[in-house]
Every structure is written in structure tokens, then in C-alpha cells.
């Protein structure tokens, strides 16, 4: 949401983590404290666009994450169930800077 925020409304919180099971587990935990947290750059499009930079997660998280939205849960399930590749992960620092700039611009414009 664009600023300024109405008095009494919760602050916007955005989370960007690794695209792996633990990144989504952290997001789920964060939403346990702050339900309004929105993720960014944790989507299938970003994962596929950075194919050459992907790695392997040593010990994937296998438990359910009830606070993910439908889009996040779908990708988490693909990762957890090894549907794309075994133990797949994309560390956030490997994502191209232009992707980060574009995502932040969308957030500033109030887009999801």
C-alpha cells in the first residue's frame, strides 16, 4: 500500500527470502507475528528465470506451513515434494539486481 497510512492501520511489511523450503518456513513464522507480511521475489517466475544460479538445499523443511497464501503454498509444495528438482533452492543474493529494483518499484506503486 502506498504511504501515508491511515492512523491505526498496520505498517506494510515485506519479506524476501531464499526460494527454498526454509525461506517459506521463515515467512510462515513471520506471519505468525505479523499477519500482513507480503512476500516478494519468492515466486515460480523468479525461480525459473534464474535457472542457472539455482543450488541444492541440504535439509529441506517437510512440515506444513498454514500461513502461506495459495501462490506461495503451491511453490513450497513443489519444492518440498521435489517436483521440479530434488532439494532445489535459489538463494536471494543470486537474484539479479534489476529483478530486485523492479519488484521494489511495484511495491512502491502499490502492486503485489
C-alpha atoms as a PDB file:
ATOM      1  CA  UNK A   1       0.000   0.000   0.000  1.00  0.00           C
ATOM      2  CA  UNK A   2       1.263   3.479  -0.741  1.00  0.00           C
ATOM      3  CA  UNK A   3       2.078   5.907   2.062  1.00  0.00           C
ATOM      4  CA  UNK A   4       0.826   7.748   4.063  1.00  0.00           C
ATOM      5  CA  UNK A   5      -1.038   5.117   6.014  1.00  0.00           C
ATOM      6  CA  UNK A   6      -4.224   5.911   7.918  1.00  0.00           C
ATOM      7  CA  UNK A   7      -3.693   6.210  11.668  1.00  0.00           C
ATOM      8  CA  UNK A   8      -4.041   2.878  13.439  1.00  0.00           C
ATOM      9  CA  UNK A   9      -3.527   0.703  10.359  1.00  0.00           C
ATOM     10  CA  UNK A  10      -0.705  -1.844  10.455  1.00  0.00           C
ATOM     11  CA  UNK A  11       2.552  -0.974   8.758  1.00  0.00           C
ATOM     12  CA  UNK A  12       3.325  -2.658   5.473  1.00  0.00           C
ATOM     13  CA  UNK A  13       5.850  -5.456   5.889  1.00  0.00           C
ATOM     14  CA  UNK A  14       7.580  -7.187   3.014  1.00  0.00           C
ATOM     15  CA  UNK A  15       9.703 -10.306   3.204  1.00  0.00           C
ATOM     16  CA  UNK A  16      12.179 -11.546   0.651  1.00  0.00           C
ATOM     17  CA  UNK A  17      13.952 -14.779   1.434  1.00  0.00           C
ATOM     18  CA  UNK A  18      15.590 -17.654  -0.339  1.00  0.00           C
ATOM     19  CA  UNK A  19      13.291 -19.588  -2.636  1.00  0.00           C
ATOM     20  CA  UNK A  20      13.557 -22.834  -0.746  1.00  0.00           C
ATOM     21  CA  UNK A  21      11.564 -24.640   1.904  1.00  0.00           C
ATOM     22  CA  UNK A  22      13.295 -22.785   4.739  1.00  0.00           C
ATOM     23  CA  UNK A  23      12.643 -19.397   3.139  1.00  0.00           C
ATOM     24  CA  UNK A  24       8.938 -20.227   3.095  1.00  0.00           C
ATOM     25  CA  UNK A  25       9.123 -21.578   6.668  1.00  0.00           C
ATOM     26  CA  UNK A  26      10.560 -18.240   7.824  1.00  0.00           C
ATOM     27  CA  UNK A  27       7.755 -16.414   6.010  1.00  0.00           C
ATOM     28  CA  UNK A  28       5.188 -18.648   7.717  1.00  0.00           C
ATOM     29  CA  UNK A  29       6.740 -17.943  11.148  1.00  0.00           C
ATOM     30  CA  UNK A  30       6.843 -14.210  10.470  1.00  0.00           C
ATOM     31  CA  UNK A  31       3.140 -14.222   9.585  1.00  0.00           C
ATOM     32  CA  UNK A  32       2.514 -15.822  12.971  1.00  0.00           C
ATOM     33  CA  UNK A  33       3.514 -12.465  14.472  1.00  0.00           C
ATOM     34  CA  UNK A  34       2.588 -10.092  11.633  1.00  0.00           C
ATOM     35  CA  UNK A  35      -0.303 -11.357   9.501  1.00  0.00           C
ATOM     36  CA  UNK A  36       0.065  -8.513   6.978  1.00  0.00           C
ATOM     37  CA  UNK A  37       3.512  -9.637   5.741  1.00  0.00           C
ATOM     38  CA  UNK A  38       3.708  -9.838   1.950  1.00  0.00           C
ATOM     39  CA  UNK A  39       6.413 -11.813   0.190  1.00  0.00           C
ATOM     40  CA  UNK A  40       8.167 -10.651  -2.943  1.00  0.00           C
ATOM     41  CA  UNK A  41      10.525 -12.357  -5.385  1.00  0.00           C
ATOM     42  CA  UNK A  42       9.536 -15.713  -3.886  1.00  0.00           C
ATOM     43  CA  UNK A  43       7.643 -16.981  -6.900  1.00  0.00           C
ATOM     44  CA  UNK A  44       7.964 -19.549  -9.650  1.00  0.00           C
ATOM     45  CA  UNK A  45       8.714 -16.919 -12.310  1.00  0.00           C
ATOM     46  CA  UNK A  46      11.768 -15.691 -10.378  1.00  0.00           C
ATOM     47  CA  UNK A  47      12.899 -19.261  -9.703  1.00  0.00           C
ATOM     48  CA  UNK A  48      12.684 -20.230 -13.365  1.00  0.00           C
ATOM     49  CA  UNK A  49      14.296 -17.022 -14.638  1.00  0.00           C
ATOM     50  CA  UNK A  50      17.398 -17.741 -12.537  1.00  0.00           C
ATOM     51  CA  UNK A  51      17.718 -21.404 -13.517  1.00  0.00           C
ATOM     52  CA  UNK A  52      21.499 -21.280 -13.996  1.00  0.00           C
ATOM     53  CA  UNK A  53      22.003 -19.903 -10.467  1.00  0.00           C
ATOM     54  CA  UNK A  54      19.979 -22.448  -8.512  1.00  0.00           C
ATOM     55  CA  UNK A  55      21.511 -24.730  -5.930  1.00  0.00           C
ATOM     56  CA  UNK A  56      20.591 -27.502  -3.547  1.00  0.00           C
ATOM     57  CA  UNK A  57      19.043 -27.257  -0.090  1.00  0.00           C
ATOM     58  CA  UNK A  58      20.783 -29.568   2.390  1.00  0.00           C
ATOM     59  CA  UNK A  59      17.883 -30.404   4.710  1.00  0.00           C
ATOM     60  CA  UNK A  60      14.534 -29.276   3.267  1.00  0.00           C
ATOM     61  CA  UNK A  61      11.691 -28.451   5.651  1.00  0.00           C
ATOM     62  CA  UNK A  62       8.911 -31.010   5.242  1.00  0.00           C
ATOM     63  CA  UNK A  63       6.216 -29.761   7.644  1.00  0.00           C
ATOM     64  CA  UNK A  64       3.049 -27.937   6.560  1.00  0.00           C
ATOM     65  CA  UNK A  65       3.071 -24.143   6.532  1.00  0.00           C
ATOM     66  CA  UNK A  66      -0.517 -22.974   7.176  1.00  0.00           C
ATOM     67  CA  UNK A  67       0.096 -19.226   6.814  1.00  0.00           C
ATOM     68  CA  UNK A  68       1.253 -19.263   3.187  1.00  0.00           C
ATOM     69  CA  UNK A  69      -1.121 -17.919   0.556  1.00  0.00           C
ATOM     70  CA  UNK A  70      -2.196 -20.166  -2.333  1.00  0.00           C
ATOM     71  CA  UNK A  71       0.580 -18.998  -4.686  1.00  0.00           C
ATOM     72  CA  UNK A  72       3.289 -19.411  -2.036  1.00  0.00           C
ATOM     73  CA  UNK A  73       1.932 -22.783  -0.912  1.00  0.00           C
ATOM     74  CA  UNK A  74       1.917 -24.103  -4.481  1.00  0.00           C
ATOM     75  CA  UNK A  75       5.620 -23.313  -4.929  1.00  0.00           C
ATOM     76  CA  UNK A  76       6.500 -24.545  -1.429  1.00  0.00           C
ATOM     77  CA  UNK A  77       4.770 -27.854  -2.213  1.00  0.00           C
ATOM     78  CA  UNK A  78       6.683 -28.154  -5.495  1.00  0.00           C
ATOM     79  CA  UNK A  79       9.953 -27.624  -3.626  1.00  0.00           C
ATOM     80  CA  UNK A  80       9.087 -29.852  -0.666  1.00  0.00           C
ATOM     81  CA  UNK A  81       7.859 -32.655  -2.915  1.00  0.00           C
ATOM     82  CA  UNK A  82      10.841 -32.372  -5.317  1.00  0.00           C
ATOM     83  CA  UNK A  83       8.552 -31.834  -8.319  1.00  0.00           C
ATOM     84  CA  UNK A  84      10.958 -29.518 -10.143  1.00  0.00           C
ATOM     85  CA  UNK A  85      14.247 -30.997  -8.970  1.00  0.00           C
ATOM     86  CA  UNK A  86      15.464 -32.655  -5.773  1.00  0.00           C
ATOM     87  CA  UNK A  87      16.202 -30.217  -2.911  1.00  0.00           C
ATOM     88  CA  UNK A  88      16.006 -27.198  -5.200  1.00  0.00           C
ATOM     89  CA  UNK A  89      16.797 -23.732  -3.873  1.00  0.00           C
ATOM     90  CA  UNK A  90      17.588 -20.256  -5.124  1.00  0.00           C
ATOM     91  CA  UNK A  91      19.444 -18.055  -2.676  1.00  0.00           C
ATOM     92  CA  UNK A  92      18.164 -14.493  -2.660  1.00  0.00           C
ATOM     93  CA  UNK A  93      21.602 -12.968  -3.213  1.00  0.00           C
ATOM     94  CA  UNK A  94      21.788 -14.709  -6.599  1.00  0.00           C
ATOM     95  CA  UNK A  95      18.719 -12.894  -7.940  1.00  0.00           C
ATOM     96  CA  UNK A  96      19.582 -10.218 -10.486  1.00  0.00           C
ATOM     97  CA  UNK A  97      19.613  -6.648  -9.196  1.00  0.00           C
ATOM     98  CA  UNK A  98      17.271  -5.497 -11.963  1.00  0.00           C
ATOM     99  CA  UNK A  99      14.706  -8.023 -10.652  1.00  0.00           C
ATOM    100  CA  UNK A 100      15.009  -6.527  -7.173  1.00  0.00           C
ATOM    101  CA  UNK A 101      14.653  -2.973  -8.491  1.00  0.00           C
ATOM    102  CA  UNK A 102      11.551  -3.896 -10.494  1.00  0.00           C
ATOM    103  CA  UNK A 103       9.954  -5.666  -7.519  1.00  0.00           C
ATOM    104  CA  UNK A 104      10.596  -2.709  -5.221  1.00  0.00           C
ATOM    105  CA  UNK A 105       9.125  -0.338  -7.814  1.00  0.00           C
ATOM    106  CA  UNK A 106       5.966  -2.488  -7.972  1.00  0.00           C
ATOM    107  CA  UNK A 107       5.702  -2.430  -4.175  1.00  0.00           C
ATOM    108  CA  UNK A 108       6.142   1.365  -4.146  1.00  0.00           C
ATOM    109  CA  UNK A 109       3.362   1.629  -6.745  1.00  0.00           C
ATOM    110  CA  UNK A 110       1.061  -0.434  -4.564  1.00  0.00           C
ATOM    111  CA  UNK A 111       1.104  -3.549  -6.734  1.00  0.00           C
ATOM    112  CA  UNK A 112       1.514  -7.061  -5.413  1.00  0.00           C
END
